[in-house]
Amino acid sequence: VVLLIVVQVFVLNASATKYDWFSSVSVMEDLVSMDHNFLSTFGFYIEGRQNALNQLKTMKALLEKTASPINEPEKYIIHPLNQYSLVKRFALKWSKIEELLEVFRNENIRSQLNQMVAYIPDKSDLVGAAEAIVRLQKSYNLDINELVNGNVKGFTSGTFLKSEDCFRMGKAAFENRLFDLCEPWLNKSLELYVKTQKIKRDNITSLLDLCKQYVSLKHMNSRKWSSLSRLNVIFPLYFFSRGFIVYKGELDSESAESLQENNSKDSQENNTMSLDDYEKITDHSNLCLGNFTIVCPNDVKKQLKCYYFTNKQHPRLLLSPIKLEELWNFPHIVRFHDIVSDKEANAIIELAKPQLERVEGSDISGDNVGTVKYRVSSTAWFYDDASYVVKKLSQRVSDATGLTGYSEALQVVANYGMGGHYIAHYDHAVANDSDGREEHPQDQGARIATALFYLSDVPEGGSTAFLQPRIAAEPIKGSAVFWFNLFPSGKGDSRTLHAACPVLIGNKWASNKWFREFGNEFVRRCDLDRNS
């Protein structure tokens, strides 16, 4: 680049005062000086390119050294810490390649690498990955020491968390108002730092800032001051000591209420709801864990049965009845076992993969739509005629339920991400004081019923939790859970409030088939009782 500039300057000067160099020996003295400058500049240029090339070689060697031998990617990625490690590798290491690409003059090579770099995970993905780990820890009461050592509920990983990783988790916990998890992660980060001495100075500055806010929120009790004092002992440098004094002064003059108010304003400005805020709305952690505070009454247990179901002797079910398991009676929630074969499930997954898009949702105000923390998954939508398998599955569930799908031909396939979940919600989207028909003039009424198919095995997590009955349906591959979202009157059934528990271990694929009111008027008639 320097050489090119020198040449351009020389050409411009030459064009401004053009000489016939052969005509004057005196003028040729300038050529001697120019020859020396050219050689010197050319040497700098070669040295610069060589340095850049050496950096690329060093980066390549580092990437090769830290690369994990992954023989079976589909098994590797089911562990959340492996997922986190993979995202971090791309976000922090591969992303640096872009700034070193200037050594390439081959535009095709550079273009290909630029396209690859643009596609790979970045730092925002790393933040999302850290939030996923914290969300899983909160939902399933995961032990922080086990996480650091790569162990999740007995599923081990070759990934071990470092000091900087723990700091990242602590920051994610803090920014999502999970203060009970913030301090343990920050303490673990400091503990690992003492052992490894590997943490950046700017991280310590950020750590002090986080501790400042955390202490303020906790009303500056003595235990938290002890943590800050410990920081000052571990990092006795003047920079940190001075920073500690500054932060202490700020804390003395800052009230917890004002900080909480600022945090609230920040949340509104960012149009996001924190993980903790959502958990205040609906706490389904116990259901996801399988900790039921309400024991199923014996009289209810006696009513729940498993049997072969033909739906009133339906012709297509007489020779191949469906295995039906009753999960609850009021509301009536059932599971159809083996309603999807492995071959069909795999075919639907392969059909969905190229069309997956990140799910979006509304923010707290309901005015803005975008990616949201309360629903982490990607989906693809199909009409029944998208493939023979999709059409066949739609027909099969129609046979089993008696409902027609003609008014709702779309089927959605979802693949859940890291700690993928969906907070408690209703499928019908109809208020109890509304019949819903004015709200759905275009799409033929509210969703009268839901059939939820599980297309993959999920070793841990990923259940569908129904909050009022207090039951959790495990994601059993090949099965489908079915329930009515509306009463026969068309009013929403609040007992169907449900949530998708975070996926702890595994790769969850599921598919939803919704049936709408119109087209099913004579299948599920409205009773004479207007309140039914």
Protein backbone atom coordinates (compact mmCIF):
# COMPACT_ATOMS: atom_id res chain seq x y z
CA VAL A 1 0.00 0.00 0.00
CA VAL A 2 2.83 2.39 0.90
CA LEU A 3 4.62 1.52 -2.33
CA LEU A 4 1.50 2.20 -4.33
CA ILE A 5 1.14 5.64 -2.74
CA VAL A 6 4.77 6.51 -3.47
CA VAL A 7 4.38 5.48 -7.09
CA GLN A 8 1.18 7.51 -7.42
CA VAL A 9 2.83 10.61 -5.92
CA PHE A 10 5.80 10.17 -8.20
CA VAL A 11 3.60 9.84 -11.28
CA LEU A 12 1.65 12.94 -10.35
CA ASN A 13 4.81 14.96 -9.82
CA ALA A 14 6.30 13.63 -13.01
CA SER A 15 3.22 14.54 -14.98
CA ALA A 16 3.29 18.04 -13.52
CA THR A 17 6.97 18.64 -14.43
CA LYS A 18 7.70 16.24 -17.27
CA TYR A 19 11.40 15.75 -18.03
CA ASP A 20 13.23 13.99 -20.76
CA TRP A 21 15.50 12.27 -18.27
CA PHE A 22 18.14 11.50 -20.85
CA SER A 23 18.49 15.18 -21.68
CA SER A 24 20.00 16.35 -18.39
CA VAL A 25 22.64 14.67 -16.25
CA SER A 26 21.82 17.05 -13.37
CA VAL A 27 18.20 15.94 -13.30
CA MET A 28 19.34 12.33 -13.22
CA GLU A 29 20.67 12.94 -9.69
CA ASP A 30 17.02 12.79 -8.58
CA LEU A 31 16.73 9.30 -10.06
CA VAL A 32 19.55 8.07 -7.82
CA SER A 33 17.72 9.34 -4.72
CA MET A 34 14.41 8.00 -6.01
CA ASP A 35 15.95 4.58 -6.64
CA HIS A 36 17.05 4.41 -3.01
CA ASN A 37 13.63 5.50 -1.72
CA PHE A 38 11.88 2.95 -3.92
CA LEU A 39 14.03 0.12 -2.59
CA SER A 40 13.46 1.20 1.01
CA THR A 41 9.69 1.58 0.54
CA PHE A 42 9.48 -1.71 -1.32
CA GLY A 43 11.26 -3.40 1.60
CA PHE A 44 8.78 -1.94 4.09
CA TYR A 45 5.93 -3.17 1.90
CA ILE A 46 7.33 -6.72 1.75
CA GLU A 47 7.96 -6.69 5.49
CA GLY A 48 4.39 -5.56 6.16
CA ARG A 49 2.94 -8.29 3.97
CA GLN A 50 5.22 -10.85 5.59
CA ASN A 51 4.11 -9.76 9.07
CA ALA A 52 0.46 -10.06 8.07
CA LEU A 53 1.13 -13.48 6.58
CA ASN A 54 2.93 -14.55 9.76
CA GLN A 55 -0.08 -13.43 11.79
CA LEU A 56 -2.33 -15.54 9.58
CA LYS A 57 -0.04 -18.53 10.03
CA THR A 58 0.00 -18.00 13.79
CA MET A 59 -3.78 -17.73 13.84
CA LYS A 60 -4.11 -20.91 11.77
CA ALA A 61 -1.76 -22.79 14.10
CA LEU A 62 -3.75 -21.59 17.12
CA LEU A 63 -7.04 -22.64 15.56
CA GLU A 64 -5.61 -26.05 14.68
CA LYS A 65 -4.28 -26.48 18.21
CA THR A 66 -7.58 -25.59 19.87
CA ALA A 67 -9.78 -27.46 17.40
CA SER A 68 -11.64 -30.37 18.96
CA PRO A 69 -11.66 -33.67 17.05
CA ILE A 70 -15.39 -33.90 16.35
CA ASN A 71 -16.16 -37.17 14.62
CA GLU A 72 -19.91 -37.07 15.25
CA PRO A 73 -21.16 -33.46 15.12
CA GLU A 74 -24.78 -34.44 15.79
CA LYS A 75 -23.73 -35.93 19.14
CA TYR A 76 -21.27 -33.18 19.97
CA ILE A 77 -23.77 -30.32 19.68
CA ILE A 78 -26.40 -31.80 22.02
CA HIS A 79 -24.35 -30.66 25.05
CA PRO A 80 -24.93 -26.97 25.98
CA LEU A 81 -21.29 -26.37 26.94
CA ASN A 82 -20.12 -27.74 23.59
CA GLN A 83 -22.60 -25.40 21.93
CA TYR A 84 -21.22 -22.48 23.92
CA SER A 85 -17.62 -23.46 23.11
CA LEU A 86 -18.37 -23.68 19.40
CA VAL A 87 -20.02 -20.25 19.32
CA LYS A 88 -17.14 -18.74 21.32
CA ARG A 89 -14.55 -20.23 18.97
CA PHE A 90 -16.12 -18.52 15.98
CA ALA A 91 -17.03 -15.26 17.71
CA LEU A 92 -13.62 -14.62 19.28
CA LYS A 93 -11.16 -16.41 17.00
CA TRP A 94 -12.42 -16.88 13.47
CA SER A 95 -13.81 -13.35 13.41
CA LYS A 96 -10.23 -12.00 13.66
CA ILE A 97 -9.39 -13.45 10.26
CA GLU A 98 -11.27 -10.68 8.48
CA GLU A 99 -8.86 -7.93 9.53
CA LEU A 100 -5.90 -9.98 8.28
CA LEU A 101 -7.32 -10.63 4.84
CA GLU A 102 -5.59 -7.61 3.27
CA VAL A 103 -2.59 -9.82 2.49
CA PHE A 104 -4.66 -11.47 -0.24
CA ARG A 105 -4.60 -9.89 -3.67
CA ASN A 106 -6.75 -12.70 -5.03
CA GLU A 107 -10.21 -11.16 -4.94
CA ASN A 108 -11.94 -14.54 -5.28
CA ILE A 109 -10.21 -15.97 -2.20
CA ARG A 110 -10.80 -12.82 -0.17
CA SER A 111 -14.44 -12.65 -1.27
CA GLN A 112 -15.03 -16.26 -0.23
CA LEU A 113 -13.43 -15.73 3.17
CA ASN A 114 -15.35 -12.48 3.71
CA GLN A 115 -18.60 -14.28 2.99
CA MET A 116 -17.68 -17.01 5.45
CA VAL A 117 -16.77 -14.49 8.16
CA ALA A 118 -20.05 -12.60 7.62
CA TYR A 119 -21.99 -15.82 8.16
CA ILE A 120 -20.27 -17.12 11.30
CA PRO A 121 -21.34 -16.36 14.90
CA ASP A 122 -20.30 -12.98 16.27
CA LYS A 123 -20.10 -11.47 19.75
CA SER A 124 -23.86 -11.01 19.95
CA ASP A 125 -24.22 -14.76 19.46
CA LEU A 126 -21.74 -15.31 22.27
CA VAL A 127 -23.85 -13.13 24.56
CA GLY A 128 -26.90 -15.21 23.62
CA ALA A 129 -24.97 -18.42 24.31
CA ALA A 130 -23.97 -17.18 27.78
CA GLU A 131 -27.58 -16.21 28.51
CA ALA A 132 -28.65 -19.72 27.48
CA ILE A 133 -26.26 -21.32 29.99
CA VAL A 134 -27.54 -19.03 32.74
CA ARG A 135 -31.14 -19.76 31.77
CA LEU A 136 -30.50 -23.51 31.99
CA GLN A 137 -28.77 -23.06 35.33
CA LYS A 138 -31.77 -21.14 36.67
CA SER A 139 -34.38 -23.53 35.25
CA TYR A 140 -32.74 -26.77 36.33
CA ASN A 141 -30.81 -25.73 39.48
CA LEU A 142 -27.47 -26.64 37.91
CA ASP A 143 -24.44 -26.62 40.18
CA ILE A 144 -21.91 -23.99 39.14
CA ASN A 145 -18.91 -26.20 39.93
CA GLU A 146 -20.32 -29.00 37.81
CA LEU A 147 -20.87 -26.56 34.94
CA VAL A 148 -17.31 -25.28 35.15
CA ASN A 149 -16.06 -28.87 34.88
CA GLY A 150 -18.26 -29.62 31.87
CA ASN A 151 -20.83 -31.77 33.66
CA VAL A 152 -24.56 -31.23 33.11
CA LYS A 153 -26.84 -33.68 34.91
CA GLY A 154 -24.39 -36.52 34.37
CA PHE A 155 -23.74 -35.63 30.73
CA THR A 156 -20.04 -34.81 30.52
CA SER A 157 -18.27 -32.62 28.00
CA GLY A 158 -14.65 -31.96 27.13
CA THR A 159 -15.39 -28.25 27.51
CA PHE A 160 -14.19 -26.60 30.73
CA LEU A 161 -15.14 -23.04 31.57
CA LYS A 162 -12.34 -20.55 32.15
CA SER A 163 -12.21 -17.39 34.23
CA GLU A 164 -13.31 -15.24 31.30
CA ASP A 165 -16.23 -17.61 30.62
CA CYS A 166 -17.42 -17.36 34.21
CA PHE A 167 -17.17 -13.59 33.99
CA ARG A 168 -19.29 -13.71 30.84
CA MET A 169 -21.91 -15.82 32.63
CA GLY A 170 -21.94 -13.42 35.56
CA LYS A 171 -22.43 -10.49 33.26
CA ALA A 172 -25.26 -12.28 31.44
CA ALA A 173 -26.91 -13.07 34.78
CA PHE A 174 -26.60 -9.46 35.91
CA GLU A 175 -27.96 -7.95 32.71
CA ASN A 176 -30.95 -10.26 32.91
CA ARG A 177 -31.58 -9.33 36.56
CA LEU A 178 -30.70 -12.81 37.83
CA PHE A 179 -28.76 -11.36 40.75
CA ASP A 180 -28.79 -14.60 42.75
CA LEU A 181 -26.66 -16.16 39.99
CA CYS A 182 -24.52 -13.11 39.27
CA GLU A 183 -22.38 -13.15 42.41
CA PRO A 184 -21.48 -16.89 42.31
CA TRP A 185 -20.31 -16.58 38.71
CA LEU A 186 -18.21 -13.50 39.44
CA ASN A 187 -16.69 -15.17 42.49
CA LYS A 188 -15.93 -18.26 40.43
CA SER A 189 -14.30 -16.04 37.81
CA LEU A 190 -12.02 -14.54 40.46
CA GLU A 191 -11.29 -17.98 41.89
CA LEU A 192 -10.18 -19.31 38.51
CA TYR A 193 -8.16 -16.15 37.91
CA VAL A 194 -6.16 -16.80 41.05
CA LYS A 195 -5.41 -20.31 39.77
CA THR A 196 -4.61 -19.45 36.16
CA GLN A 197 -3.77 -15.72 36.19
CA LYS A 198 -5.59 -15.41 32.89
CA ILE A 199 -7.97 -12.49 32.74
CA LYS A 200 -7.75 -9.17 30.94
CA ARG A 201 -7.42 -5.84 32.71
CA ASP A 202 -10.47 -4.40 30.93
CA ASN A 203 -12.48 -7.37 32.21
CA ILE A 204 -11.46 -6.50 35.76
CA THR A 205 -12.64 -2.94 35.18
CA SER A 206 -15.97 -4.25 33.97
CA LEU A 207 -16.08 -6.62 36.92
CA LEU A 208 -15.63 -3.77 39.36
CA ASP A 209 -18.40 -1.86 37.61
CA LEU A 210 -20.74 -4.83 37.83
CA CYS A 211 -19.92 -5.29 41.50
CA LYS A 212 -20.66 -1.62 42.06
CA GLN A 213 -24.15 -2.00 40.65
CA TYR A 214 -24.70 -5.32 42.37
CA VAL A 215 -23.71 -3.95 45.77
CA SER A 216 -26.00 -0.96 45.27
CA LEU A 217 -28.93 -3.20 44.42
CA LYS A 218 -28.24 -5.30 47.51
CA HIS A 219 -28.17 -2.17 49.71
CA MET A 220 -24.45 -2.39 50.27
CA ASN A 221 -24.44 -5.00 53.02
CA SER A 222 -21.16 -6.04 54.60
CA ARG A 223 -20.87 -9.31 52.70
CA LYS A 224 -20.84 -7.55 49.34
CA TRP A 225 -18.30 -5.00 50.57
CA SER A 226 -16.14 -7.96 51.53
CA SER A 227 -16.27 -9.14 47.91
CA LEU A 228 -15.16 -5.74 46.68
CA SER A 229 -12.37 -5.61 49.25
CA ARG A 230 -11.23 -9.02 48.05
CA LEU A 231 -10.95 -7.61 44.55
CA ASN A 232 -8.65 -4.92 45.82
CA VAL A 233 -6.42 -7.54 47.50
CA ILE A 234 -6.24 -9.75 44.43
CA PHE A 235 -5.48 -6.82 42.14
CA PRO A 236 -3.23 -4.53 44.24
CA LEU A 237 -2.08 -2.47 41.26
CA TYR A 238 -2.57 1.26 41.59
CA PHE A 239 -4.97 1.24 38.67
CA PHE A 240 -7.34 -1.11 40.44
CA SER A 241 -6.83 0.39 43.89
CA ARG A 242 -7.67 3.81 42.55
CA GLY A 243 -10.66 2.38 40.72
CA PHE A 244 -11.89 0.74 43.91
CA ILE A 245 -11.78 4.05 45.78
CA VAL A 246 -13.68 5.79 42.98
CA TYR A 247 -16.33 3.10 42.93
CA LYS A 248 -16.63 3.20 46.71
CA GLY A 249 -17.29 6.92 46.55
CA GLU A 250 -19.90 6.44 43.88
CA LEU A 251 -21.61 3.75 45.92
CA ASP A 252 -21.73 5.93 49.00
CA SER A 253 -23.63 8.60 47.09
CA GLU A 254 -25.84 6.38 44.98
CA SER A 255 -29.11 4.84 46.14
CA ALA A 256 -30.36 1.43 45.15
CA GLU A 257 -33.68 2.95 44.09
CA SER A 258 -32.10 5.27 41.54
CA LEU A 259 -30.08 2.44 40.02
CA GLN A 260 -33.14 0.23 39.78
CA GLU A 261 -34.97 3.09 38.09
CA ASN A 262 -32.14 3.45 35.57
CA ASN A 263 -32.18 -0.27 34.89
CA SER A 264 -35.92 -0.10 34.31
CA LYS A 265 -35.49 2.78 31.86
CA ASP A 266 -32.76 0.90 30.03
CA SER A 267 -35.03 -2.11 29.69
CA GLN A 268 -37.82 0.03 28.25
CA GLU A 269 -35.49 1.82 25.87
CA ASN A 270 -34.16 -1.49 24.59
CA ASN A 271 -37.73 -2.79 24.18
CA THR A 272 -36.78 -6.05 25.86
CA MET A 273 -38.00 -7.98 28.87
CA SER A 274 -35.43 -9.64 31.08
CA LEU A 275 -35.45 -13.35 31.79
CA ASP A 276 -36.21 -12.67 35.42
CA ASP A 277 -39.17 -10.45 34.52
CA TYR A 278 -40.70 -13.24 32.54
CA GLU A 279 -40.17 -15.71 35.35
CA LYS A 280 -42.11 -13.37 37.61
CA ILE A 281 -45.01 -13.61 35.18
CA THR A 282 -44.88 -17.40 35.05
CA ASP A 283 -42.75 -19.71 37.13
CA HIS A 284 -42.73 -23.13 35.52
CA SER A 285 -39.30 -24.22 36.76
CA ASN A 286 -40.75 -26.81 39.12
CA LEU A 287 -42.77 -28.36 36.33
CA CYS A 288 -39.74 -28.50 34.05
CA LEU A 289 -37.76 -30.11 36.86
CA GLY A 290 -40.54 -32.57 37.59
CA ASN A 291 -41.04 -31.16 41.09
CA PHE A 292 -44.81 -31.17 41.46
CA THR A 293 -46.07 -29.35 44.53
CA ILE A 294 -49.60 -30.66 43.96
CA VAL A 295 -49.94 -34.43 44.01
CA CYS A 296 -52.34 -35.85 41.44
CA PRO A 297 -55.49 -36.94 43.37
CA ASN A 298 -56.23 -40.64 43.36
CA ASP A 299 -59.66 -40.11 41.84
CA VAL A 300 -58.02 -38.30 38.90
CA LYS A 301 -55.40 -41.03 38.49
CA LYS A 302 -58.11 -43.66 38.27
CA GLN A 303 -59.77 -41.80 35.43
CA LEU A 304 -56.60 -41.52 33.32
CA LYS A 305 -56.23 -44.46 30.96
CA CYS A 306 -54.18 -45.81 28.07
CA TYR A 307 -55.97 -47.59 25.24
CA TYR A 308 -56.16 -48.18 21.50
CA PHE A 309 -58.22 -45.43 19.92
CA THR A 310 -60.23 -45.62 16.67
CA ASN A 311 -62.20 -42.35 17.02
CA LYS A 312 -65.65 -43.88 16.73
CA GLN A 313 -64.59 -46.64 14.36
CA HIS A 314 -62.97 -44.37 11.78
CA PRO A 315 -62.33 -46.48 8.64
CA ARG A 316 -58.63 -45.61 8.45
CA LEU A 317 -58.10 -46.40 12.13
CA LEU A 318 -59.89 -49.73 12.35
CA LEU A 319 -56.87 -51.75 11.21
CA SER A 320 -54.26 -49.41 12.70
CA PRO A 321 -55.68 -47.87 15.88
CA ILE A 322 -53.77 -45.14 17.67
CA LYS A 323 -52.10 -45.70 21.03
CA LEU A 324 -53.69 -43.04 23.24
CA GLU A 325 -52.54 -41.99 26.70
CA GLU A 326 -54.63 -39.60 28.78
CA LEU A 327 -52.43 -37.03 30.51
CA TRP A 328 -55.25 -35.06 32.18
CA ASN A 329 -59.02 -34.95 32.15
CA PHE A 330 -60.04 -31.31 32.73
CA PRO A 331 -58.87 -29.95 30.36
CA HIS A 332 -58.64 -33.11 28.33
CA ILE A 333 -54.98 -33.50 27.32
CA VAL A 334 -53.91 -36.69 25.55
CA ARG A 335 -50.84 -38.13 23.88
CA PHE A 336 -50.92 -40.11 20.64
CA HIS A 337 -47.99 -42.54 20.72
CA ASP A 338 -46.17 -43.63 17.54
CA ILE A 339 -48.26 -41.35 15.36
CA VAL A 340 -45.13 -40.32 13.44
CA SER A 341 -42.57 -42.86 12.24
CA ASP A 342 -38.81 -42.21 12.47
CA LYS A 343 -38.63 -42.04 8.68
CA GLU A 344 -41.44 -39.46 8.51
CA ALA A 345 -39.94 -37.38 11.33
CA ASN A 346 -36.53 -37.31 9.64
CA ALA A 347 -38.12 -36.39 6.30
CA ILE A 348 -39.96 -33.43 7.85
CA ILE A 349 -36.77 -32.25 9.57
CA GLU A 350 -34.79 -32.35 6.32
CA LEU A 351 -37.60 -30.47 4.59
CA ALA A 352 -37.51 -27.76 7.26
CA LYS A 353 -33.76 -27.22 7.59
CA PRO A 354 -33.24 -24.98 4.51
CA GLN A 355 -36.21 -22.79 5.45
CA LEU A 356 -35.55 -22.17 9.14
CA GLU A 357 -35.84 -18.57 10.33
CA ARG A 358 -35.44 -17.13 13.83
CA VAL A 359 -38.78 -16.73 15.59
CA GLU A 360 -39.83 -13.17 16.35
CA GLY A 361 -42.24 -11.80 18.93
CA SER A 362 -43.61 -8.62 20.45
CA ASP A 363 -41.83 -6.63 23.12
CA ILE A 364 -43.34 -5.57 26.44
CA SER A 365 -45.33 -2.74 24.90
CA GLY A 366 -46.61 -4.92 22.08
CA ASP A 367 -45.72 -2.19 19.58
CA ASN A 368 -42.50 -3.64 18.23
CA VAL A 369 -41.76 -7.03 16.72
CA GLY A 370 -38.32 -8.62 16.63
CA THR A 371 -36.17 -11.33 18.17
CA VAL A 372 -37.04 -11.86 21.83
CA LYS A 373 -35.48 -13.64 24.77
CA TYR A 374 -38.69 -15.31 25.86
CA ARG A 375 -38.80 -17.50 22.75
CA VAL A 376 -35.58 -19.05 21.46
CA SER A 377 -36.17 -21.18 18.38
CA SER A 378 -36.26 -21.13 14.58
CA THR A 379 -39.23 -22.22 12.51
CA ALA A 380 -40.29 -23.21 9.01
CA TRP A 381 -43.87 -23.16 7.71
CA PHE A 382 -45.45 -25.61 5.29
CA TYR A 383 -48.72 -26.13 3.52
CA ASP A 384 -50.09 -29.65 3.48
CA ASP A 385 -49.09 -30.05 -0.15
CA ALA A 386 -45.43 -29.27 0.60
CA SER A 387 -44.70 -32.99 0.57
CA TYR A 388 -46.43 -36.32 0.70
CA VAL A 389 -45.23 -36.86 4.28
CA VAL A 390 -46.68 -33.55 5.54
CA LYS A 391 -50.00 -34.22 3.82
CA LYS A 392 -50.14 -37.77 5.18
CA LEU A 393 -49.41 -36.60 8.74
CA SER A 394 -52.12 -33.92 8.53
CA GLN A 395 -54.62 -36.54 7.36
CA ARG A 396 -53.64 -38.89 10.18
CA VAL A 397 -54.14 -36.32 12.94
CA SER A 398 -57.44 -35.27 11.36
CA ASP A 399 -58.57 -38.89 11.51
CA ALA A 400 -57.56 -39.10 15.16
CA THR A 401 -59.22 -35.85 16.26
CA GLY A 402 -62.16 -35.61 13.89
CA LEU A 403 -61.13 -32.04 13.11
CA THR A 404 -60.52 -30.78 9.63
CA GLY A 405 -57.41 -28.85 8.74
CA TYR A 406 -58.82 -27.24 5.62
CA SER A 407 -59.24 -23.88 7.32
CA GLU A 408 -55.67 -24.05 8.63
CA ALA A 409 -53.48 -25.74 6.06
CA LEU A 410 -50.21 -24.48 7.51
CA GLN A 411 -47.98 -26.58 9.72
CA VAL A 412 -45.00 -25.15 11.58
CA VAL A 413 -41.78 -27.03 12.31
CA ALA A 414 -39.58 -25.67 15.10
CA ASN A 415 -35.96 -26.31 16.02
CA TYR A 416 -35.02 -25.01 19.46
CA GLY A 417 -31.72 -23.23 20.05
CA MET A 418 -29.32 -23.16 23.00
CA GLY A 419 -31.49 -23.52 26.09
CA GLY A 420 -34.37 -23.14 23.64
CA HIS A 421 -37.67 -22.38 25.35
CA TYR A 422 -40.97 -20.54 25.06
CA ILE A 423 -42.53 -18.93 28.12
CA ALA A 424 -46.09 -19.68 29.21
CA HIS A 425 -48.64 -18.72 26.58
CA TYR A 426 -51.99 -19.59 25.06
CA ASP A 427 -52.38 -20.92 21.55
CA HIS A 428 -55.88 -19.55 21.03
CA ALA A 429 -55.08 -15.82 21.48
CA VAL A 430 -58.69 -15.13 22.49
CA ALA A 431 -59.70 -13.22 25.59
CA ASN A 432 -62.22 -14.90 27.88
CA ASP A 433 -64.72 -12.10 27.34
CA SER A 434 -64.49 -12.29 23.54
CA ASP A 435 -65.71 -14.87 21.09
CA GLY A 436 -62.63 -14.17 18.99
CA ARG A 437 -64.42 -13.95 15.69
CA GLU A 438 -63.86 -10.22 15.28
CA GLU A 439 -60.15 -10.72 16.03
CA HIS A 440 -59.65 -13.33 13.32
CA PRO A 441 -61.65 -12.28 10.25
CA GLN A 442 -58.90 -13.26 7.81
CA ASP A 443 -57.58 -16.51 9.22
CA GLN A 444 -60.92 -18.19 9.88
CA GLY A 445 -61.30 -17.93 13.61
CA ALA A 446 -59.18 -18.76 16.63
CA ARG A 447 -57.19 -21.94 17.07
CA ILE A 448 -59.70 -24.41 18.41
CA ALA A 449 -57.13 -27.14 19.10
CA THR A 450 -53.41 -27.92 19.01
CA ALA A 451 -51.55 -31.06 17.96
CA LEU A 452 -47.90 -30.89 19.04
CA PHE A 453 -45.62 -33.48 17.41
CA TYR A 454 -42.21 -34.41 18.80
CA LEU A 455 -39.82 -35.22 15.95
CA SER A 456 -36.61 -35.95 17.89
CA ASP A 457 -35.39 -37.49 21.12
CA VAL A 458 -34.43 -35.01 23.84
CA PRO A 459 -32.38 -36.68 26.63
CA GLU A 460 -32.92 -33.85 29.15
CA GLY A 461 -35.38 -30.95 29.25
CA GLY A 462 -37.64 -29.72 26.49
CA SER A 463 -40.92 -30.84 28.09
CA THR A 464 -44.23 -29.07 27.50
CA ALA A 465 -45.45 -27.80 30.88
CA PHE A 466 -49.14 -27.09 31.51
CA LEU A 467 -49.28 -24.74 34.46
CA GLN A 468 -52.79 -25.12 35.81
CA PRO A 469 -53.08 -28.93 35.68
CA ARG A 470 -49.42 -28.97 36.77
CA ILE A 471 -48.31 -31.66 34.36
CA ALA A 472 -45.32 -31.83 32.02
CA ALA A 473 -45.41 -33.82 28.79
CA GLU A 474 -41.99 -35.21 27.94
CA PRO A 475 -40.80 -34.83 24.33
CA ILE A 476 -41.14 -38.47 23.23
CA LYS A 477 -40.09 -38.87 19.60
CA GLY A 478 -42.91 -40.01 17.32
CA SER A 479 -45.67 -38.95 19.72
CA ALA A 480 -48.05 -36.00 19.63
CA VAL A 481 -49.80 -34.18 22.48
CA PHE A 482 -53.30 -32.93 21.68
CA TRP A 483 -55.64 -30.55 23.51
CA PHE A 484 -58.53 -28.13 22.86
CA ASN A 485 -57.71 -24.45 23.33
CA LEU A 486 -61.34 -23.29 23.38
CA PHE A 487 -64.48 -24.26 25.19
CA PRO A 488 -67.33 -25.42 22.90
CA SER A 489 -68.72 -21.88 23.27
CA GLY A 490 -65.63 -20.48 21.57
CA LYS A 491 -64.23 -18.83 24.68
CA GLY A 492 -60.58 -19.37 25.54
CA ASP A 493 -59.76 -22.08 28.07
CA SER A 494 -57.33 -20.52 30.54
CA ARG A 495 -56.39 -23.99 31.81
CA THR A 496 -54.40 -24.56 28.61
CA LEU A 497 -51.66 -22.10 29.61
CA HIS A 498 -48.47 -23.94 28.68
CA ALA A 499 -44.75 -23.39 28.17
CA ALA A 500 -41.85 -25.08 26.41
CA CYS A 501 -39.23 -25.95 29.02
CA PRO A 502 -35.62 -25.10 28.10
CA VAL A 503 -33.74 -27.81 26.23
CA LEU A 504 -30.97 -28.98 28.55
CA ILE A 505 -29.38 -31.81 26.55
CA GLY A 506 -30.30 -32.58 22.97
CA ASN A 507 -31.53 -31.13 19.71
CA LYS A 508 -35.28 -30.58 19.93
CA TRP A 509 -37.43 -30.69 16.81
CA ALA A 510 -41.18 -30.27 17.13
CA SER A 511 -44.10 -29.54 14.84
CA ASN A 512 -47.42 -27.81 15.50
CA LYS A 513 -50.67 -28.38 13.68
CA TRP A 514 -53.46 -25.98 14.66
CA PHE A 515 -57.14 -26.44 13.85
CA ARG A 516 -59.31 -23.35 13.61
CA GLU A 517 -62.96 -22.70 14.41
CA PHE A 518 -64.38 -22.28 10.94
CA GLY A 519 -64.62 -25.56 9.10
CA ASN A 520 -65.16 -27.38 12.39
CA GLU A 521 -68.52 -25.92 13.42
CA PHE A 522 -70.31 -29.25 13.17
CA VAL A 523 -67.47 -31.36 14.54
CA ARG A 524 -67.43 -29.80 18.00
CA ARG A 525 -70.82 -28.22 18.45
CA CYS A 526 -71.56 -25.46 20.92
CA ASP A 527 -73.57 -26.77 23.88
CA LEU A 528 -76.89 -25.29 24.96
CA ASP A 529 -75.14 -23.99 28.07
CA ARG A 530 -73.72 -20.62 27.01
CA ASN A 531 -70.98 -20.93 29.64
CA SER A 532 -69.73 -24.30 28.40
